[in-house]
Amino acid sequence: MGHWLQRNIIEPGKLPLLLALAAFVLTFVITRTVTRLIRAGRGPFGNVKAGGLHIHHVVPGVILTVVGGFGAVAGGRHGFGSALSAVVFGMGAGLVLDEFALILHLDDVYWTEAGRQSVEVVVLTAALVGLVLAGFSPFGVNDLSEDELQNRAGVALYVAGNFLFSLIALSKGKARIAVFGVIVPVIAVFGTLRLARPGSLWSRRFYRRRPRARAKAVLRAYHHDLRWSAPRRAVQDWIGGKPDPDPTRPVERG
């Protein structure tokens, strides 16, 4: 284990990235645990207020992110300073992205259905950083041989092609596949070959005069959402807590 850590993390200068990822995940877990305890009225924790104003944890998160980011730029990739800056940055990013939905909607939607977006962004960020840490560089170009490095034109075409596949997947309404496709090329190609989701840019542009394709896309999206919606919501509830009931939705009666 020590040899692997030295060879794959420390020597390539990825230790700050590992520390930032660990601090990011740990901060998110601790923050969600504390907020769920506050919500349940358990433990010694409570909301932070100043003069009646509720101070959201995105505020100290922004401060830590700025301090850690500038510290990392000044400290380089090695040494205690860079490691400390990485931890501070990871903690700040965890606090900020835990309230990503608040920033997006400019409203306190933490325990609402819209608040699930924060959990999705945190999980996606952790996954992408984990892929980079494991050796996947952006666009999937990493660990190239000497011959590949010499063929600059081939590498450039490879990067451009993979990025194009990711853009096509994004235009088809497959945002998660597009983001992961930037890192892992096969995923981008898979998203490109699949039918576009209804309402996506690709669907509006290319399925406008193809009713059969539109109908097939709607049916496939319906079955996909029906199959994966409940498991995805269960995982989100387990990670981030179950949202409050929407008061605008009618109550189902048996």
C-alpha atoms as a PDB file:
ATOM      1  CA  MET A   1       0.000   0.000   0.000  1.00  0.00           C
ATOM      2  CA  GLY A   2       2.848   2.361   0.871  1.00  0.00           C
ATOM      3  CA  HIS A   3       4.600   1.643  -2.427  1.00  0.00           C
ATOM      4  CA  TRP A   4       1.363   2.247  -4.372  1.00  0.00           C
ATOM      5  CA  LEU A   5       0.786   5.536  -2.542  1.00  0.00           C
ATOM      6  CA  GLN A   6       4.329   6.682  -3.227  1.00  0.00           C
ATOM      7  CA  ARG A   7       4.281   5.610  -6.891  1.00  0.00           C
ATOM      8  CA  ASN A   8       0.792   6.784  -7.899  1.00  0.00           C
ATOM      9  CA  ILE A   9      -0.020   9.662  -5.549  1.00  0.00           C
ATOM     10  CA  ILE A  10       3.054  11.286  -4.022  1.00  0.00           C
ATOM     11  CA  GLU A  11       5.495  11.084  -6.959  1.00  0.00           C
ATOM     12  CA  PRO A  12       3.033  12.522  -9.537  1.00  0.00           C
ATOM     13  CA  GLY A  13       2.201  15.345  -7.094  1.00  0.00           C
ATOM     14  CA  LYS A  14      -1.380  14.173  -6.490  1.00  0.00           C
ATOM     15  CA  LEU A  15      -1.227  14.201  -2.685  1.00  0.00           C
ATOM     16  CA  PRO A  16      -2.910  17.637  -2.425  1.00  0.00           C
ATOM     17  CA  LEU A  17      -5.688  16.385  -4.691  1.00  0.00           C
ATOM     18  CA  LEU A  18      -6.172  13.306  -2.501  1.00  0.00           C
ATOM     19  CA  LEU A  19      -6.270  15.446   0.643  1.00  0.00           C
ATOM     20  CA  ALA A  20      -8.711  17.884  -0.958  1.00  0.00           C
ATOM     21  CA  LEU A  21     -11.015  15.039  -2.019  1.00  0.00           C
ATOM     22  CA  ALA A  22     -10.905  13.446   1.441  1.00  0.00           C
ATOM     23  CA  ALA A  23     -11.627  16.796   3.116  1.00  0.00           C
ATOM     24  CA  PHE A  24     -14.412  17.482   0.613  1.00  0.00           C
ATOM     25  CA  VAL A  25     -16.214  14.176   1.214  1.00  0.00           C
ATOM     26  CA  LEU A  26     -15.677  14.220   4.987  1.00  0.00           C
ATOM     27  CA  THR A  27     -16.927  17.813   5.279  1.00  0.00           C
ATOM     28  CA  PHE A  28     -20.043  16.989   3.265  1.00  0.00           C
ATOM     29  CA  VAL A  29     -20.792  13.919   5.401  1.00  0.00           C
ATOM     30  CA  ILE A  30     -20.296  15.815   8.668  1.00  0.00           C
ATOM     31  CA  THR A  31     -22.343  18.778   7.432  1.00  0.00           C
ATOM     32  CA  ARG A  32     -25.260  16.605   6.332  1.00  0.00           C
ATOM     33  CA  THR A  33     -25.135  14.717   9.636  1.00  0.00           C
ATOM     34  CA  VAL A  34     -25.240  17.940  11.657  1.00  0.00           C
ATOM     35  CA  THR A  35     -28.034  19.489   9.562  1.00  0.00           C
ATOM     36  CA  ARG A  36     -30.116  16.330   9.859  1.00  0.00           C
ATOM     37  CA  LEU A  37     -29.630  16.373  13.644  1.00  0.00           C
ATOM     38  CA  ILE A  38     -30.665  20.045  13.747  1.00  0.00           C
ATOM     39  CA  ARG A  39     -33.707  19.237  11.634  1.00  0.00           C
ATOM     40  CA  ALA A  40     -34.671  16.401  13.995  1.00  0.00           C
ATOM     41  CA  GLY A  41     -34.056  18.545  17.088  1.00  0.00           C
ATOM     42  CA  ARG A  42     -31.362  16.259  18.420  1.00  0.00           C
ATOM     43  CA  GLY A  43     -27.935  16.961  19.821  1.00  0.00           C
ATOM     44  CA  PRO A  44     -26.327  20.220  20.896  1.00  0.00           C
ATOM     45  CA  PHE A  45     -26.263  21.707  17.406  1.00  0.00           C
ATOM     46  CA  GLY A  46     -28.291  24.647  16.152  1.00  0.00           C
ATOM     47  CA  ASN A  47     -28.484  27.147  13.324  1.00  0.00           C
ATOM     48  CA  VAL A  48     -25.928  29.939  13.334  1.00  0.00           C
ATOM     49  CA  LYS A  49     -27.542  33.369  13.551  1.00  0.00           C
ATOM     50  CA  ALA A  50     -26.219  36.906  13.736  1.00  0.00           C
ATOM     51  CA  GLY A  51     -28.728  39.581  14.695  1.00  0.00           C
ATOM     52  CA  GLY A  52     -31.622  37.404  13.606  1.00  0.00           C
ATOM     53  CA  LEU A  53     -29.959  36.609  10.272  1.00  0.00           C
ATOM     54  CA  HIS A  54     -29.473  32.914   9.487  1.00  0.00           C
ATOM     55  CA  ILE A  55     -25.872  32.373   8.392  1.00  0.00           C
ATOM     56  CA  HIS A  56     -25.848  29.530   5.886  1.00  0.00           C
ATOM     57  CA  HIS A  57     -22.758  27.334   5.858  1.00  0.00           C
ATOM     58  CA  VAL A  58     -22.096  28.370   2.264  1.00  0.00           C
ATOM     59  CA  VAL A  59     -20.695  31.628   3.736  1.00  0.00           C
ATOM     60  CA  PRO A  60     -17.770  30.060   5.658  1.00  0.00           C
ATOM     61  CA  GLY A  61     -17.487  27.663   2.723  1.00  0.00           C
ATOM     62  CA  VAL A  62     -16.765  30.510   0.328  1.00  0.00           C
ATOM     63  CA  ILE A  63     -14.175  31.951   2.715  1.00  0.00           C
ATOM     64  CA  LEU A  64     -12.393  28.611   3.105  1.00  0.00           C
ATOM     65  CA  THR A  65     -12.479  27.984  -0.646  1.00  0.00           C
ATOM     66  CA  VAL A  66     -10.917  31.357  -1.390  1.00  0.00           C
ATOM     67  CA  VAL A  67      -8.240  30.961   1.287  1.00  0.00           C
ATOM     68  CA  GLY A  68      -7.450  27.387   0.261  1.00  0.00           C
ATOM     69  CA  GLY A  69      -7.443  28.221  -3.443  1.00  0.00           C
ATOM     70  CA  PHE A  70      -5.025  31.126  -3.150  1.00  0.00           C
ATOM     71  CA  GLY A  71      -2.910  29.123  -0.721  1.00  0.00           C
ATOM     72  CA  ALA A  72      -2.700  26.252  -3.186  1.00  0.00           C
ATOM     73  CA  VAL A  73      -1.662  28.591  -6.019  1.00  0.00           C
ATOM     74  CA  ALA A  74       1.059  30.103  -3.862  1.00  0.00           C
ATOM     75  CA  GLY A  75       2.232  26.840  -2.327  1.00  0.00           C
ATOM     76  CA  GLY A  76       2.788  24.692  -5.407  1.00  0.00           C
ATOM     77  CA  ARG A  77       2.248  20.924  -5.479  1.00  0.00           C
ATOM     78  CA  HIS A  78       4.572  19.815  -2.682  1.00  0.00           C
ATOM     79  CA  GLY A  79       5.208  20.676   0.942  1.00  0.00           C
ATOM     80  CA  PHE A  80       3.131  21.196   4.042  1.00  0.00           C
ATOM     81  CA  GLY A  81       1.659  24.469   2.776  1.00  0.00           C
ATOM     82  CA  SER A  82       0.172  22.884  -0.317  1.00  0.00           C
ATOM     83  CA  ALA A  83      -1.247  19.992   1.728  1.00  0.00           C
ATOM     84  CA  LEU A  84      -2.841  22.361   4.248  1.00  0.00           C
ATOM     85  CA  SER A  85      -4.256  24.545   1.479  1.00  0.00           C
ATOM     86  CA  ALA A  86      -5.723  21.482  -0.211  1.00  0.00           C
ATOM     87  CA  VAL A  87      -7.503  20.438   2.994  1.00  0.00           C
ATOM     88  CA  VAL A  88      -8.856  23.957   3.535  1.00  0.00           C
ATOM     89  CA  PHE A  89     -10.017  24.139  -0.082  1.00  0.00           C
ATOM     90  CA  GLY A  90     -11.695  20.730   0.141  1.00  0.00           C
ATOM     91  CA  MET A  91     -13.549  21.736   3.309  1.00  0.00           C
ATOM     92  CA  GLY A  92     -14.718  24.970   1.711  1.00  0.00           C
ATOM     93  CA  ALA A  93     -15.841  23.243  -1.476  1.00  0.00           C
ATOM     94  CA  GLY A  94     -17.776  20.693   0.575  1.00  0.00           C
ATOM     95  CA  LEU A  95     -19.651  23.444   2.419  1.00  0.00           C
ATOM     96  CA  VAL A  96     -20.331  25.423  -0.754  1.00  0.00           C
ATOM     97  CA  LEU A  97     -21.580  22.550  -2.893  1.00  0.00           C
ATOM     98  CA  ASP A  98     -23.716  21.223  -0.047  1.00  0.00           C
ATOM     99  CA  GLU A  99     -25.769  24.377  -0.632  1.00  0.00           C
ATOM    100  CA  PHE A 100     -25.405  24.425  -4.407  1.00  0.00           C
ATOM    101  CA  ALA A 101     -29.205  24.434  -4.797  1.00  0.00           C
ATOM    102  CA  LEU A 102     -29.444  27.553  -2.625  1.00  0.00           C
ATOM    103  CA  ILE A 103     -26.970  29.354  -4.886  1.00  0.00           C
ATOM    104  CA  LEU A 104     -28.759  28.125  -8.017  1.00  0.00           C
ATOM    105  CA  HIS A 105     -32.259  29.113  -6.913  1.00  0.00           C
ATOM    106  CA  LEU A 106     -31.255  32.059  -4.685  1.00  0.00           C
ATOM    107  CA  ASP A 107     -33.636  30.640  -2.101  1.00  0.00           C
ATOM    108  CA  ASP A 108     -33.412  28.381   0.952  1.00  0.00           C
ATOM    109  CA  VAL A 109     -34.412  25.120  -0.739  1.00  0.00           C
ATOM    110  CA  TYR A 110     -32.147  22.900   1.374  1.00  0.00           C
ATOM    111  CA  TRP A 111     -34.900  20.531   2.535  1.00  0.00           C
ATOM    112  CA  THR A 112     -37.085  20.754  -0.554  1.00  0.00           C
ATOM    113  CA  GLU A 113     -37.222  18.680  -3.719  1.00  0.00           C
ATOM    114  CA  ALA A 114     -34.989  21.234  -5.449  1.00  0.00           C
ATOM    115  CA  GLY A 115     -32.401  20.708  -2.714  1.00  0.00           C
ATOM    116  CA  ARG A 116     -31.620  17.286  -4.180  1.00  0.00           C
ATOM    117  CA  GLN A 117     -29.530  19.091  -6.789  1.00  0.00           C
ATOM    118  CA  SER A 118     -26.915  19.774  -4.116  1.00  0.00           C
ATOM    119  CA  VAL A 119     -26.524  16.052  -3.428  1.00  0.00           C
ATOM    120  CA  GLU A 120     -26.269  15.284  -7.147  1.00  0.00           C
ATOM    121  CA  VAL A 121     -23.564  17.923  -7.658  1.00  0.00           C
ATOM    122  CA  VAL A 122     -21.564  16.722  -4.639  1.00  0.00           C
ATOM    123  CA  VAL A 123     -21.672  13.086  -5.755  1.00  0.00           C
ATOM    124  CA  LEU A 124     -20.776  14.023  -9.325  1.00  0.00           C
ATOM    125  CA  THR A 125     -17.885  16.224  -8.178  1.00  0.00           C
ATOM    126  CA  ALA A 126     -16.489  13.529  -5.899  1.00  0.00           C
ATOM    127  CA  ALA A 127     -16.735  10.961  -8.702  1.00  0.00           C
ATOM    128  CA  LEU A 128     -14.968  13.172 -11.226  1.00  0.00           C
ATOM    129  CA  VAL A 129     -12.166  14.108  -8.817  1.00  0.00           C
ATOM    130  CA  GLY A 130     -11.823  10.434  -7.949  1.00  0.00           C
ATOM    131  CA  LEU A 131     -11.434   9.575 -11.640  1.00  0.00           C
ATOM    132  CA  VAL A 132      -8.758  12.235 -12.080  1.00  0.00           C
ATOM    133  CA  LEU A 133      -7.012  10.986  -8.953  1.00  0.00           C
ATOM    134  CA  ALA A 134      -7.076   7.422 -10.263  1.00  0.00           C
ATOM    135  CA  GLY A 135      -5.191   8.510 -13.365  1.00  0.00           C
ATOM    136  CA  PHE A 136      -7.795   9.770 -15.823  1.00  0.00           C
ATOM    137  CA  SER A 137      -6.818  13.188 -17.127  1.00  0.00           C
ATOM    138  CA  PRO A 138      -9.388  15.456 -18.805  1.00  0.00           C
ATOM    139  CA  PHE A 139     -10.597  14.113 -22.154  1.00  0.00           C
ATOM    140  CA  GLY A 140      -9.154  10.714 -21.265  1.00  0.00           C
ATOM    141  CA  VAL A 141      -5.658  11.609 -22.511  1.00  0.00           C
ATOM    142  CA  ASN A 142      -3.284  10.194 -19.919  1.00  0.00           C
ATOM    143  CA  ASP A 143      -0.405   7.733 -19.651  1.00  0.00           C
ATOM    144  CA  LEU A 144       0.457   8.249 -23.310  1.00  0.00           C
ATOM    145  CA  SER A 145       3.390   6.381 -24.774  1.00  0.00           C
ATOM    146  CA  GLU A 146       6.339   8.181 -26.348  1.00  0.00           C
ATOM    147  CA  ASP A 147       5.042   7.432 -29.839  1.00  0.00           C
ATOM    148  CA  GLU A 148       1.645   8.838 -28.931  1.00  0.00           C
ATOM    149  CA  LEU A 149       3.182  11.948 -27.443  1.00  0.00           C
ATOM    150  CA  GLN A 150       5.178  12.481 -30.634  1.00  0.00           C
ATOM    151  CA  ASN A 151       2.046  12.266 -32.750  1.00  0.00           C
ATOM    152  CA  ARG A 152       0.601  15.595 -31.590  1.00  0.00           C
ATOM    153  CA  ALA A 153      -1.901  15.764 -34.419  1.00  0.00           C
ATOM    154  CA  GLY A 154      -3.359  12.387 -33.501  1.00  0.00           C
ATOM    155  CA  VAL A 155      -3.654  13.366 -29.860  1.00  0.00           C
ATOM    156  CA  ALA A 156      -5.347  16.648 -30.776  1.00  0.00           C
ATOM    157  CA  LEU A 157      -7.854  14.846 -33.000  1.00  0.00           C
ATOM    158  CA  TYR A 158      -8.499  12.303 -30.254  1.00  0.00           C
ATOM    159  CA  VAL A 159      -9.212  15.042 -27.709  1.00  0.00           C
ATOM    160  CA  ALA A 160     -11.393  16.998 -30.129  1.00  0.00           C
ATOM    161  CA  GLY A 161     -13.354  13.891 -31.126  1.00  0.00           C
ATOM    162  CA  ASN A 162     -14.040  12.855 -27.557  1.00  0.00           C
ATOM    163  CA  PHE A 163     -15.094  16.391 -26.651  1.00  0.00           C
ATOM    164  CA  LEU A 164     -17.431  16.396 -29.651  1.00  0.00           C
ATOM    165  CA  PHE A 165     -19.042  13.148 -28.458  1.00  0.00           C
ATOM    166  CA  SER A 166     -19.560  14.721 -25.035  1.00  0.00           C
ATOM    167  CA  LEU A 167     -21.175  17.793 -26.584  1.00  0.00           C
ATOM    168  CA  ILE A 168     -23.543  15.597 -28.607  1.00  0.00           C
ATOM    169  CA  ALA A 169     -24.489  13.648 -25.493  1.00  0.00           C
ATOM    170  CA  LEU A 170     -25.133  16.941 -23.692  1.00  0.00           C
ATOM    171  CA  SER A 171     -27.323  18.184 -26.545  1.00  0.00           C
ATOM    172  CA  LYS A 172     -29.311  14.955 -26.226  1.00  0.00           C
ATOM    173  CA  GLY A 173     -30.176  15.843 -22.644  1.00  0.00           C
ATOM    174  CA  LYS A 174     -27.725  13.390 -21.068  1.00  0.00           C
ATOM    175  CA  ALA A 175     -25.806  15.752 -18.803  1.00  0.00           C
ATOM    176  CA  ARG A 176     -24.333  13.123 -16.477  1.00  0.00           C
ATOM    177  CA  ILE A 177     -23.108  10.976 -19.365  1.00  0.00           C
ATOM    178  CA  ALA A 178     -21.635  14.059 -21.048  1.00  0.00           C
ATOM    179  CA  VAL A 179     -19.683  15.075 -17.946  1.00  0.00           C
ATOM    180  CA  PHE A 180     -18.323  11.583 -17.319  1.00  0.00           C
ATOM    181  CA  GLY A 181     -17.682  11.252 -21.051  1.00  0.00           C
ATOM    182  CA  VAL A 182     -15.157  14.061 -20.873  1.00  0.00           C
ATOM    183  CA  ILE A 183     -13.121  11.801 -18.592  1.00  0.00           C
ATOM    184  CA  VAL A 184     -13.928   8.358 -20.036  1.00  0.00           C
ATOM    185  CA  PRO A 185     -14.314   8.359 -23.845  1.00  0.00           C
ATOM    186  CA  VAL A 186     -16.432   5.188 -24.136  1.00  0.00           C
ATOM    187  CA  ILE A 187     -19.184   6.746 -22.031  1.00  0.00           C
ATOM    188  CA  ALA A 188     -19.393   9.751 -24.347  1.00  0.00           C
ATOM    189  CA  VAL A 189     -19.750   7.503 -27.388  1.00  0.00           C
ATOM    190  CA  PHE A 190     -22.490   5.520 -25.630  1.00  0.00           C
ATOM    191  CA  GLY A 191     -24.415   8.711 -24.886  1.00  0.00           C
ATOM    192  CA  THR A 192     -24.032   9.830 -28.487  1.00  0.00           C
ATOM    193  CA  LEU A 193     -25.541   6.635 -29.914  1.00  0.00           C
ATOM    194  CA  ARG A 194     -28.566   6.616 -27.602  1.00  0.00           C
ATOM    195  CA  LEU A 195     -31.852   8.346 -28.398  1.00  0.00           C
ATOM    196  CA  ALA A 196     -32.148  11.929 -27.197  1.00  0.00           C
ATOM    197  CA  ARG A 197     -34.373  12.743 -24.248  1.00  0.00           C
ATOM    198  CA  PRO A 198     -37.659  14.540 -25.032  1.00  0.00           C
ATOM    199  CA  GLY A 199     -37.334  18.302 -24.886  1.00  0.00           C
ATOM    200  CA  SER A 200     -33.565  18.254 -25.410  1.00  0.00           C
ATOM    201  CA  LEU A 201     -31.867  20.451 -27.992  1.00  0.00           C
ATOM    202  CA  TRP A 202     -31.176  17.433 -30.211  1.00  0.00           C
ATOM    203  CA  SER A 203     -34.788  16.257 -29.982  1.00  0.00           C
ATOM    204  CA  ARG A 204     -36.203  19.668 -30.904  1.00  0.00           C
ATOM    205  CA  ARG A 205     -33.808  20.015 -33.818  1.00  0.00           C
ATOM    206  CA  PHE A 206     -33.722  16.541 -35.365  1.00  0.00           C
ATOM    207  CA  TYR A 207     -36.934  14.831 -34.205  1.00  0.00           C
ATOM    208  CA  ARG A 208     -39.223  17.687 -35.188  1.00  0.00           C
ATOM    209  CA  ARG A 209     -40.326  15.961 -38.411  1.00  0.00           C
ATOM    210  CA  ARG A 210     -39.839  12.411 -37.164  1.00  0.00           C
ATOM    211  CA  PRO A 211     -42.916  11.505 -35.098  1.00  0.00           C
ATOM    212  CA  ARG A 212     -41.839   7.887 -34.713  1.00  0.00           C
ATOM    213  CA  ALA A 213     -38.474   8.934 -33.296  1.00  0.00           C
ATOM    214  CA  ARG A 214     -40.179  11.386 -30.919  1.00  0.00           C
ATOM    215  CA  ALA A 215     -42.615   8.741 -29.741  1.00  0.00           C
ATOM    216  CA  LYS A 216     -39.824   6.207 -29.247  1.00  0.00           C
ATOM    217  CA  ALA A 217     -37.729   8.748 -27.324  1.00  0.00           C
ATOM    218  CA  VAL A 218     -40.654   9.601 -25.034  1.00  0.00           C
ATOM    219  CA  LEU A 219     -41.372   5.928 -24.391  1.00  0.00           C
ATOM    220  CA  ARG A 220     -37.731   5.099 -23.691  1.00  0.00           C
ATOM    221  CA  ALA A 221     -37.345   8.087 -21.349  1.00  0.00           C
ATOM    222  CA  TYR A 222     -40.539   7.080 -19.527  1.00  0.00           C
ATOM    223  CA  HIS A 223     -39.348   3.521 -18.954  1.00  0.00           C
ATOM    224  CA  HIS A 224     -35.874   4.713 -17.960  1.00  0.00           C
ATOM    225  CA  ASP A 225     -37.249   7.176 -15.401  1.00  0.00           C
ATOM    226  CA  LEU A 226     -39.742   4.617 -14.137  1.00  0.00           C
ATOM    227  CA  ARG A 227     -36.969   2.084 -13.622  1.00  0.00           C
ATOM    228  CA  TRP A 228     -34.354   4.342 -12.049  1.00  0.00           C
ATOM    229  CA  SER A 229     -36.303   7.176 -10.412  1.00  0.00           C
ATOM    230  CA  ALA A 230     -37.153   5.328  -7.192  1.00  0.00           C
ATOM    231  CA  PRO A 231     -33.645   3.856  -6.616  1.00  0.00           C
ATOM    232  CA  ARG A 232     -32.044   7.234  -7.362  1.00  0.00           C
ATOM    233  CA  ARG A 233     -34.371   9.009  -4.938  1.00  0.00           C
ATOM    234  CA  ALA A 234     -33.708   6.368  -2.277  1.00  0.00           C
ATOM    235  CA  VAL A 235     -29.950   6.862  -2.605  1.00  0.00           C
ATOM    236  CA  GLN A 236     -30.351  10.652  -2.510  1.00  0.00           C
ATOM    237  CA  ASP A 237     -32.539  10.393   0.611  1.00  0.00           C
ATOM    238  CA  TRP A 238     -29.971   8.136   2.262  1.00  0.00           C
ATOM    239  CA  ILE A 239     -27.111  10.510   1.475  1.00  0.00           C
ATOM    240  CA  GLY A 240     -28.718  13.900   1.970  1.00  0.00           C
ATOM    241  CA  GLY A 241     -31.939  13.304   3.886  1.00  0.00           C
ATOM    242  CA  LYS A 242     -35.538  13.125   2.730  1.00  0.00           C
ATOM    243  CA  PRO A 243     -37.004  16.452   1.544  1.00  0.00           C
ATOM    244  CA  ASP A 244     -40.021  18.022   3.204  1.00  0.00           C
ATOM    245  CA  PRO A 245     -43.375  17.256   1.555  1.00  0.00           C
ATOM    246  CA  ASP A 246     -44.362  19.726  -1.138  1.00  0.00           C
ATOM    247  CA  PRO A 247     -47.367  21.657   0.241  1.00  0.00           C
ATOM    248  CA  THR A 248     -48.528  22.511  -3.288  1.00  0.00           C
ATOM    249  CA  ARG A 249     -48.944  18.873  -4.280  1.00  0.00           C
ATOM    250  CA  PRO A 250     -52.347  17.282  -3.655  1.00  0.00           C
ATOM    251  CA  VAL A 251     -52.508  14.581  -1.002  1.00  0.00           C
ATOM    252  CA  GLU A 252     -53.049  11.123  -2.464  1.00  0.00           C
ATOM    253  CA  ARG A 253     -56.063   9.346  -1.045  1.00  0.00           C
ATOM    254  CA  GLY A 254     -56.443   5.623  -1.114  1.00  0.00           C
END
